[in-house]
PDB file of all heavy atoms in Angstrom:
ATOM      1  N   LYS A   1     -11.270 -63.804  69.653  1.00  0.00           N
ATOM      2  CA  LYS A   1     -12.589 -64.139  69.295  1.00  0.00           C
ATOM      3  C   LYS A   1     -13.584 -63.838  70.444  1.00  0.00           C
ATOM      4  O   LYS A   1     -14.701 -63.249  70.287  1.00  0.00           O
ATOM      5  CB  LYS A   1     -12.666 -65.675  68.950  1.00  0.00           C
ATOM      6  CG  LYS A   1     -11.944 -65.953  67.510  1.00  0.00           C
ATOM      7  CD  LYS A   1     -12.095 -67.363  67.230  1.00  0.00           C
ATOM      8  CE  LYS A   1     -11.266 -67.616  65.951  1.00  0.00           C
ATOM      9  NZ  LYS A   1     -11.323 -69.084  65.597  1.00  0.00           N
ATOM     10  N   ASN A   2     -13.244 -64.386  71.677  1.00  0.00           N
ATOM     11  CA  ASN A   2     -13.988 -63.979  72.753  1.00  0.00           C
ATOM     12  C   ASN A   2     -13.554 -62.596  73.203  1.00  0.00           C
ATOM     13  O   ASN A   2     -12.447 -62.165  72.917  1.00  0.00           O
ATOM     14  CB  ASN A   2     -13.722 -64.964  73.968  1.00  0.00           C
ATOM     15  CG  ASN A   2     -14.455 -66.365  73.742  1.00  0.00           C
ATOM     16  OD1 ASN A   2     -15.434 -66.408  73.109  1.00  0.00           O
ATOM     17  ND2 ASN A   2     -13.869 -67.402  74.344  1.00  0.00           N
ATOM     18  N   GLU A   3     -14.501 -62.054  74.007  1.00  0.00           N
ATOM     19  CA  GLU A   3     -14.179 -60.758  74.720  1.00  0.00           C
ATOM     20  C   GLU A   3     -13.812 -61.153  76.102  1.00  0.00           C
ATOM     21  O   GLU A   3     -14.667 -61.806  76.812  1.00  0.00           O
ATOM     22  CB  GLU A   3     -15.293 -59.763  74.580  1.00  0.00           C
ATOM     23  CG  GLU A   3     -14.990 -58.525  75.484  1.00  0.00           C
ATOM     24  CD  GLU A   3     -16.152 -57.621  75.428  1.00  0.00           C
ATOM     25  OE1 GLU A   3     -17.183 -57.800  74.790  1.00  0.00           O
ATOM     26  OE2 GLU A   3     -16.026 -56.510  76.071  1.00  0.00           O
ATOM     27  N   TYR A   4     -12.732 -60.692  76.651  1.00  0.00           N
ATOM     28  CA  TYR A   4     -12.359 -61.109  78.046  1.00  0.00           C
ATOM     29  C   TYR A   4     -12.387 -59.919  78.997  1.00  0.00           C
ATOM     30  O   TYR A   4     -11.609 -58.882  78.839  1.00  0.00           O
ATOM     31  CB  TYR A   4     -10.958 -61.669  78.038  1.00  0.00           C
ATOM     32  CG  TYR A   4     -10.885 -63.022  77.253  1.00  0.00           C
ATOM     33  CD1 TYR A   4     -10.555 -63.016  75.894  1.00  0.00           C
ATOM     34  CD2 TYR A   4     -11.283 -64.158  77.772  1.00  0.00           C
ATOM     35  CE1 TYR A   4     -10.466 -64.158  75.273  1.00  0.00           C
ATOM     36  CE2 TYR A   4     -11.300 -65.369  77.092  1.00  0.00           C
ATOM     37  CZ  TYR A   4     -10.934 -65.387  75.775  1.00  0.00           C
ATOM     38  OH  TYR A   4     -10.876 -66.541  75.045  1.00  0.00           O
ATOM     39  N   GLU A   5     -13.206 -59.963  80.035  1.00  0.00           N
ATOM     40  CA  GLU A   5     -13.306 -59.095  81.076  1.00  0.00           C
ATOM     41  C   GLU A   5     -12.512 -59.607  82.228  1.00  0.00           C
ATOM     42  O   GLU A   5     -12.880 -60.666  82.852  1.00  0.00           O
ATOM     43  CB  GLU A   5     -14.767 -58.897  81.564  1.00  0.00           C
ATOM     44  CG  GLU A   5     -15.634 -58.138  80.548  1.00  0.00           C
ATOM     45  CD  GLU A   5     -17.053 -57.949  81.047  1.00  0.00           C
ATOM     46  OE1 GLU A   5     -17.431 -58.474  82.206  1.00  0.00           O
ATOM     47  OE2 GLU A   5     -17.878 -57.466  80.298  1.00  0.00           O
ATOM     48  N   TYR A   6     -11.324 -59.125  82.403  1.00  0.00           N
ATOM     49  CA  TYR A   6     -10.370 -59.742  83.391  1.00  0.00           C
ATOM     50  C   TYR A   6      -9.989 -58.848  84.644  1.00  0.00           C
ATOM     51  O   TYR A   6     -10.024 -57.696  84.495  1.00  0.00           O
ATOM     52  CB  TYR A   6      -9.110 -60.192  82.639  1.00  0.00           C
ATOM     53  CG  TYR A   6      -8.293 -59.043  82.036  1.00  0.00           C
ATOM     54  CD1 TYR A   6      -7.326 -58.296  82.814  1.00  0.00           C
ATOM     55  CD2 TYR A   6      -8.400 -58.658  80.700  1.00  0.00           C
ATOM     56  CE1 TYR A   6      -6.559 -57.381  82.319  1.00  0.00           C
ATOM     57  CE2 TYR A   6      -7.716 -57.637  80.164  1.00  0.00           C
ATOM     58  CZ  TYR A   6      -6.812 -57.031  80.901  1.00  0.00           C
ATOM     59  OH  TYR A   6      -6.059 -55.921  80.465  1.00  0.00           O
ATOM     60  N   THR A   7      -9.693 -59.493  85.693  1.00  0.00           N
ATOM     61  CA  THR A   7      -9.297 -58.974  86.963  1.00  0.00           C
ATOM     62  C   THR A   7      -8.066 -59.624  87.440  1.00  0.00           C
ATOM     63  O   THR A   7      -7.993 -60.765  87.312  1.00  0.00           O
ATOM     64  CB  THR A   7     -10.372 -59.059  87.926  1.00  0.00           C
ATOM     65  OG1 THR A   7     -11.747 -58.567  87.391  1.00  0.00           O
ATOM     66  CG2 THR A   7     -10.037 -58.296  89.249  1.00  0.00           C
ATOM     67  N   LEU A   8      -7.088 -58.853  87.868  1.00  0.00           N
ATOM     68  CA  LEU A   8      -5.933 -59.377  88.461  1.00  0.00           C
ATOM     69  C   LEU A   8      -5.880 -58.970  89.916  1.00  0.00           C
ATOM     70  O   LEU A   8      -5.962 -57.792  90.381  1.00  0.00           O
ATOM     71  CB  LEU A   8      -4.610 -58.857  87.770  1.00  0.00           C
ATOM     72  CG  LEU A   8      -4.531 -59.465  86.401  1.00  0.00           C
ATOM     73  CD1 LEU A   8      -3.595 -58.645  85.428  1.00  0.00           C
ATOM     74  CD2 LEU A   8      -4.125 -60.942  86.352  1.00  0.00           C
ATOM     75  N   VAL A   9      -5.695 -59.950  90.816  1.00  0.00           N
ATOM     76  CA  VAL A   9      -5.708 -59.721  92.276  1.00  0.00           C
ATOM     77  C   VAL A   9      -4.460 -60.233  92.957  1.00  0.00           C
ATOM     78  O   VAL A   9      -3.603 -60.833  92.273  1.00  0.00           O
ATOM     79  CB  VAL A   9      -6.923 -60.366  92.828  1.00  0.00           C
ATOM     80  CG1 VAL A   9      -8.166 -59.862  92.291  1.00  0.00           C
ATOM     81  CG2 VAL A   9      -6.877 -61.902  92.792  1.00  0.00           C
ATOM     82  N   SER A  10      -4.224 -60.038  94.147  1.00  0.00           N
ATOM     83  CA  SER A  10      -2.991 -60.468  94.999  1.00  0.00           C
ATOM     84  C   SER A  10      -3.174 -61.816  95.603  1.00  0.00           C
ATOM     85  O   SER A  10      -2.058 -62.442  95.903  1.00  0.00           O
ATOM     86  CB  SER A  10      -2.729 -59.333  95.919  1.00  0.00           C
ATOM     87  OG  SER A  10      -2.530 -58.109  95.425  1.00  0.00           O
ATOM     88  N   ALA A  11      -4.316 -62.272  95.887  1.00  0.00           N
ATOM     89  CA  ALA A  11      -4.444 -63.515  96.610  1.00  0.00           C
ATOM     90  C   ALA A  11      -5.707 -64.326  96.108  1.00  0.00           C
ATOM     91  O   ALA A  11      -6.728 -63.678  95.657  1.00  0.00           O
ATOM     92  CB  ALA A  11      -4.621 -63.316  98.063  1.00  0.00           C
ATOM     93  N   ALA A  12      -5.671 -65.660  96.244  1.00  0.00           N
ATOM     94  CA  ALA A  12      -6.755 -66.432  95.778  1.00  0.00           C
ATOM     95  C   ALA A  12      -8.148 -66.115  96.444  1.00  0.00           C
ATOM     96  O   ALA A  12      -9.136 -66.206  95.807  1.00  0.00           O
ATOM     97  CB  ALA A  12      -6.391 -67.954  96.043  1.00  0.00           C
ATOM     98  N   ASP A  13      -8.112 -65.751  97.720  1.00  0.00           N
ATOM     99  CA  ASP A  13      -9.338 -65.612  98.512  1.00  0.00           C
ATOM    100  C   ASP A  13     -10.091 -64.393  97.942  1.00  0.00           C
ATOM    101  O   ASP A  13     -11.231 -64.079  98.267  1.00  0.00           O
ATOM    102  CB  ASP A  13      -9.267 -65.459  99.964  1.00  0.00           C
ATOM    103  CG  ASP A  13      -8.090 -64.437 100.392  1.00  0.00           C
ATOM    104  OD1 ASP A  13      -7.756 -63.673  99.537  1.00  0.00           O
ATOM    105  OD2 ASP A  13      -7.868 -64.466 101.607  1.00  0.00           O
ATOM    106  N   GLU A  14      -9.465 -63.525  97.104  1.00  0.00           N
ATOM    107  CA  GLU A  14     -10.069 -62.379  96.462  1.00  0.00           C
ATOM    108  C   GLU A  14     -10.950 -62.732  95.355  1.00  0.00           C
ATOM    109  O   GLU A  14     -11.725 -61.872  94.848  1.00  0.00           O
ATOM    110  CB  GLU A  14      -9.033 -61.302  96.050  1.00  0.00           C
ATOM    111  CG  GLU A  14      -8.228 -60.692  97.152  1.00  0.00           C
ATOM    112  CD  GLU A  14      -7.220 -59.741  96.719  1.00  0.00           C
ATOM    113  OE1 GLU A  14      -7.636 -58.676  96.077  1.00  0.00           O
ATOM    114  OE2 GLU A  14      -5.985 -59.960  96.881  1.00  0.00           O
ATOM    115  N   VAL A  15     -10.749 -63.938  94.809  1.00  0.00           N
ATOM    116  CA  VAL A  15     -11.617 -64.385  93.739  1.00  0.00           C
ATOM    117  C   VAL A  15     -12.424 -65.572  93.869  1.00  0.00           C
ATOM    118  O   VAL A  15     -13.393 -65.796  93.131  1.00  0.00           O
ATOM    119  CB  VAL A  15     -10.663 -64.688  92.399  1.00  0.00           C
ATOM    120  CG1 VAL A  15      -9.843 -63.421  92.000  1.00  0.00           C
ATOM    121  CG2 VAL A  15      -9.726 -65.847  92.679  1.00  0.00           C
ATOM    122  N   THR A  16     -12.193 -66.417  94.884  1.00  0.00           N
ATOM    123  CA  THR A  16     -12.925 -67.655  95.078  1.00  0.00           C
ATOM    124  C   THR A  16     -14.402 -67.418  95.303  1.00  0.00           C
ATOM    125  O   THR A  16     -15.289 -68.075  94.688  1.00  0.00           O
ATOM    126  CB  THR A  16     -12.277 -68.469  96.300  1.00  0.00           C
ATOM    127  OG1 THR A  16     -12.315 -67.551  97.345  1.00  0.00           O
ATOM    128  CG2 THR A  16     -10.963 -68.999  95.954  1.00  0.00           C
ATOM    129  N   GLY A  17     -14.709 -66.351  96.159  1.00  0.00           N
ATOM    130  CA  GLY A  17     -16.138 -66.057  96.409  1.00  0.00           C
ATOM    131  C   GLY A  17     -16.819 -65.684  95.088  1.00  0.00           C
ATOM    132  O   GLY A  17     -18.024 -66.089  94.772  1.00  0.00           O
ATOM    133  N   SER A  18     -16.252 -64.749  94.231  1.00  0.00           N
ATOM    134  CA  SER A  18     -16.824 -64.364  93.077  1.00  0.00           C
ATOM    135  C   SER A  18     -16.997 -65.497  92.005  1.00  0.00           C
ATOM    136  O   SER A  18     -18.031 -65.466  91.315  1.00  0.00           O
ATOM    137  CB  SER A  18     -15.839 -63.262  92.387  1.00  0.00           C
ATOM    138  OG  SER A  18     -15.831 -62.151  93.168  1.00  0.00           O
ATOM    139  N   LEU A  19     -16.089 -66.375  92.052  1.00  0.00           N
ATOM    140  CA  LEU A  19     -16.245 -67.552  91.167  1.00  0.00           C
ATOM    141  C   LEU A  19     -17.444 -68.412  91.549  1.00  0.00           C
ATOM    142  O   LEU A  19     -18.254 -68.911  90.729  1.00  0.00           O
ATOM    143  CB  LEU A  19     -15.015 -68.444  91.142  1.00  0.00           C
ATOM    144  CG  LEU A  19     -14.938 -69.576  90.171  1.00  0.00           C
ATOM    145  CD1 LEU A  19     -15.080 -69.229  88.781  1.00  0.00           C
ATOM    146  CD2 LEU A  19     -13.576 -70.448  90.378  1.00  0.00           C
ATOM    147  N   VAL A  20     -17.491 -68.643  92.797  1.00  0.00           N
ATOM    148  CA  VAL A  20     -18.546 -69.556  93.394  1.00  0.00           C
ATOM    149  C   VAL A  20     -19.910 -68.871  93.168  1.00  0.00           C
ATOM    150  O   VAL A  20     -20.895 -69.581  92.871  1.00  0.00           O
ATOM    151  CB  VAL A  20     -18.338 -69.871  94.866  1.00  0.00           C
ATOM    152  CG1 VAL A  20     -19.567 -70.585  95.526  1.00  0.00           C
ATOM    153  CG2 VAL A  20     -17.119 -70.806  95.000  1.00  0.00           C
ATOM    154  N   ASN A  21     -20.030 -67.562  93.506  1.00  0.00           N
ATOM    155  CA  ASN A  21     -21.447 -66.931  93.346  1.00  0.00           C
ATOM    156  C   ASN A  21     -21.787 -66.568  91.990  1.00  0.00           C
ATOM    157  O   ASN A  21     -22.988 -66.023  91.790  1.00  0.00           O
ATOM    158  CB  ASN A  21     -21.401 -65.759  94.326  1.00  0.00           C
ATOM    159  CG  ASN A  21     -20.563 -64.563  93.905  1.00  0.00           C
ATOM    160  OD1 ASN A  21     -20.229 -64.441  92.814  1.00  0.00           O
ATOM    161  ND2 ASN A  21     -20.183 -63.825  94.896  1.00  0.00           N
ATOM    162  N   GLY A  22     -20.956 -66.696  91.037  1.00  0.00           N
ATOM    163  CA  GLY A  22     -21.366 -66.440  89.567  1.00  0.00           C
ATOM    164  C   GLY A  22     -20.907 -65.127  89.131  1.00  0.00           C
ATOM    165  O   GLY A  22     -21.188 -64.779  87.914  1.00  0.00           O
ATOM    166  N   ASP A  23     -20.067 -64.395  89.822  1.00  0.00           N
ATOM    167  CA  ASP A  23     -19.644 -63.170  89.307  1.00  0.00           C
ATOM    168  C   ASP A  23     -18.452 -63.348  88.310  1.00  0.00           C
ATOM    169  O   ASP A  23     -18.173 -62.425  87.627  1.00  0.00           O
ATOM    170  CB  ASP A  23     -19.275 -62.135  90.491  1.00  0.00           C
ATOM    171  CG  ASP A  23     -20.440 -61.688  91.260  1.00  0.00           C
ATOM    172  OD1 ASP A  23     -21.553 -61.582  90.749  1.00  0.00           O
ATOM    173  OD2 ASP A  23     -20.198 -61.332  92.493  1.00  0.00           O
ATOM    174  N   LEU A  24     -17.880 -64.533  88.460  1.00  0.00           N
ATOM    175  CA  LEU A  24     -16.805 -64.922  87.458  1.00  0.00           C
ATOM    176  C   LEU A  24     -17.196 -66.180  86.746  1.00  0.00           C
ATOM    177  O   LEU A  24     -17.921 -66.993  87.413  1.00  0.00           O
ATOM    178  CB  LEU A  24     -15.483 -65.033  88.198  1.00  0.00           C
ATOM    179  CG  LEU A  24     -14.795 -63.797  88.775  1.00  0.00           C
ATOM    180  CD1 LEU A  24     -13.628 -64.217  89.620  1.00  0.00           C
ATOM    181  CD2 LEU A  24     -14.281 -62.893  87.682  1.00  0.00           C
ATOM    182  N   ASP A  25     -16.627 -66.372  85.631  1.00  0.00           N
ATOM    183  CA  ASP A  25     -16.831 -67.672  84.912  1.00  0.00           C
ATOM    184  C   ASP A  25     -15.498 -68.536  85.030  1.00  0.00           C
ATOM    185  O   ASP A  25     -15.805 -69.799  85.173  1.00  0.00           O
ATOM    186  CB  ASP A  25     -17.031 -67.332  83.418  1.00  0.00           C
ATOM    187  CG  ASP A  25     -18.171 -66.422  83.174  1.00  0.00           C
ATOM    188  OD1 ASP A  25     -19.191 -66.625  83.796  1.00  0.00           O
ATOM    189  OD2 ASP A  25     -17.948 -65.490  82.315  1.00  0.00           O
ATOM    190  N   LEU A  26     -14.423 -67.962  85.026  1.00  0.00           N
ATOM    191  CA  LEU A  26     -13.164 -68.629  85.086  1.00  0.00           C
ATOM    192  C   LEU A  26     -12.191 -67.981  86.123  1.00  0.00           C
ATOM    193  O   LEU A  26     -12.269 -66.780  86.288  1.00  0.00           O
ATOM    194  CB  LEU A  26     -12.472 -68.702  83.815  1.00  0.00           C
ATOM    195  CG  LEU A  26     -13.245 -69.355  82.574  1.00  0.00           C
ATOM    196  CD1 LEU A  26     -12.435 -69.098  81.321  1.00  0.00           C
ATOM    197  CD2 LEU A  26     -13.495 -70.807  82.781  1.00  0.00           C
ATOM    198  N   ALA A  27     -11.284 -68.684  86.578  1.00  0.00           N
ATOM    199  CA  ALA A  27     -10.241 -68.141  87.431  1.00  0.00           C
ATOM    200  C   ALA A  27      -9.026 -68.963  87.463  1.00  0.00           C
ATOM    201  O   ALA A  27      -9.039 -70.284  87.339  1.00  0.00           O
ATOM    202  CB  ALA A  27     -10.780 -68.055  88.935  1.00  0.00           C
ATOM    203  N   ALA A  28      -7.865 -68.271  87.382  1.00  0.00           N
ATOM    204  CA  ALA A  28      -6.517 -68.954  87.495  1.00  0.00           C
ATOM    205  C   ALA A  28      -6.280 -69.054  89.024  1.00  0.00           C
ATOM    206  O   ALA A  28      -6.169 -68.122  89.788  1.00  0.00           O
ATOM    207  CB  ALA A  28      -5.444 -68.133  86.842  1.00  0.00           C
ATOM    208  N   LEU A  29      -6.088 -70.248  89.488  1.00  0.00           N
ATOM    209  CA  LEU A  29      -6.055 -70.545  90.861  1.00  0.00           C
ATOM    210  C   LEU A  29      -5.010 -71.667  91.209  1.00  0.00           C
ATOM    211  O   LEU A  29      -4.724 -72.445  90.354  1.00  0.00           O
ATOM    212  CB  LEU A  29      -7.377 -71.068  91.485  1.00  0.00           C
ATOM    213  CG  LEU A  29      -8.578 -70.173  91.414  1.00  0.00           C
ATOM    214  CD1 LEU A  29      -9.791 -70.850  91.800  1.00  0.00           C
ATOM    215  CD2 LEU A  29      -8.377 -68.938  92.479  1.00  0.00           C
ATOM    216  N   PRO A  30      -4.471 -71.740  92.495  1.00  0.00           N
ATOM    217  CA  PRO A  30      -3.823 -72.940  92.978  1.00  0.00           C
ATOM    218  C   PRO A  30      -4.702 -74.256  92.654  1.00  0.00           C
ATOM    219  O   PRO A  30      -5.815 -74.193  92.942  1.00  0.00           O
ATOM    220  CB  PRO A  30      -3.463 -72.713  94.364  1.00  0.00           C
ATOM    221  CG  PRO A  30      -3.487 -71.204  94.545  1.00  0.00           C
ATOM    222  CD  PRO A  30      -4.579 -70.792  93.524  1.00  0.00           C
ATOM    223  N   THR A  31      -4.158 -75.291  92.251  1.00  0.00           N
ATOM    224  CA  THR A  31      -4.847 -76.482  91.954  1.00  0.00           C
ATOM    225  C   THR A  31      -5.619 -77.022  93.078  1.00  0.00           C
ATOM    226  O   THR A  31      -6.825 -77.450  93.003  1.00  0.00           O
ATOM    227  CB  THR A  31      -3.924 -77.602  91.432  1.00  0.00           C
ATOM    228  OG1 THR A  31      -3.069 -76.992  90.360  1.00  0.00           O
ATOM    229  CG2 THR A  31      -4.632 -78.730  90.892  1.00  0.00           C
ATOM    230  N   ASN A  32      -5.006 -76.959  94.313  1.00  0.00           N
ATOM    231  CA  ASN A  32      -5.721 -77.491  95.435  1.00  0.00           C
ATOM    232  C   ASN A  32      -6.825 -76.583  95.914  1.00  0.00           C
ATOM    233  O   ASN A  32      -7.783 -76.999  96.514  1.00  0.00           O
ATOM    234  CB  ASN A  32      -4.744 -77.713  96.642  1.00  0.00           C
ATOM    235  CG  ASN A  32      -4.221 -76.367  97.203  1.00  0.00           C
ATOM    236  OD1 ASN A  32      -3.610 -75.559  96.433  1.00  0.00           O
ATOM    237  ND2 ASN A  32      -4.368 -76.246  98.533  1.00  0.00           N
ATOM    238  N   VAL A  33      -6.774 -75.245  95.559  1.00  0.00           N
ATOM    239  CA  VAL A  33      -7.905 -74.419  95.780  1.00  0.00           C
ATOM    240  C   VAL A  33      -9.074 -74.714  94.946  1.00  0.00           C
ATOM    241  O   VAL A  33     -10.244 -74.796  95.427  1.00  0.00           O
ATOM    242  CB  VAL A  33      -7.555 -72.980  95.633  1.00  0.00           C
ATOM    243  CG1 VAL A  33      -8.699 -71.973  95.845  1.00  0.00           C
ATOM    244  CG2 VAL A  33      -6.457 -72.502  96.711  1.00  0.00           C
ATOM    245  N   ALA A  34      -8.821 -75.040  93.676  1.00  0.00           N
ATOM    246  CA  ALA A  34      -9.906 -75.478  92.840  1.00  0.00           C
ATOM    247  C   ALA A  34     -10.533 -76.791  93.378  1.00  0.00           C
ATOM    248  O   ALA A  34     -11.753 -76.863  93.333  1.00  0.00           O
ATOM    249  CB  ALA A  34      -9.347 -75.690  91.407  1.00  0.00           C
ATOM    250  N   ALA A  35      -9.723 -77.710  93.805  1.00  0.00           N
ATOM    251  CA  ALA A  35     -10.373 -78.937  94.385  1.00  0.00           C
ATOM    252  C   ALA A  35     -11.112 -78.653  95.683  1.00  0.00           C
ATOM    253  O   ALA A  35     -12.137 -79.296  95.778  1.00  0.00           O
ATOM    254  CB  ALA A  35      -9.270 -79.911  94.674  1.00  0.00           C
ATOM    255  N   THR A  36     -10.587 -77.740  96.479  1.00  0.00           N
ATOM    256  CA  THR A  36     -11.397 -77.402  97.727  1.00  0.00           C
ATOM    257  C   THR A  36     -12.825 -76.758  97.283  1.00  0.00           C
ATOM    258  O   THR A  36     -13.827 -77.047  97.914  1.00  0.00           O
ATOM    259  CB  THR A  36     -10.518 -76.407  98.553  1.00  0.00           C
ATOM    260  OG1 THR A  36      -9.340 -77.037  98.860  1.00  0.00           O
ATOM    261  CG2 THR A  36     -11.320 -75.923  99.697  1.00  0.00           C
ATOM    262  N   LEU A  37     -12.779 -75.932  96.283  1.00  0.00           N
ATOM    263  CA  LEU A  37     -14.008 -75.250  95.915  1.00  0.00           C
ATOM    264  C   LEU A  37     -14.976 -76.273  95.328  1.00  0.00           C
ATOM    265  O   LEU A  37     -16.150 -76.157  95.493  1.00  0.00           O
ATOM    266  CB  LEU A  37     -13.734 -74.164  94.797  1.00  0.00           C
ATOM    267  CG  LEU A  37     -12.990 -72.939  95.429  1.00  0.00           C
ATOM    268  CD1 LEU A  37     -12.831 -71.878  94.168  1.00  0.00           C
ATOM    269  CD2 LEU A  37     -13.761 -72.262  96.459  1.00  0.00           C
TER     270      LEU A  37
END
């Protein structure tokens, strides 16, 4: 139903900045990284 624009990376620090600055909506992350953000 939704259209998913997805990216797969090797490490969490490759996506955290994009999630915070609005280039991403969602991210699969270690739980403690989500809490840190």
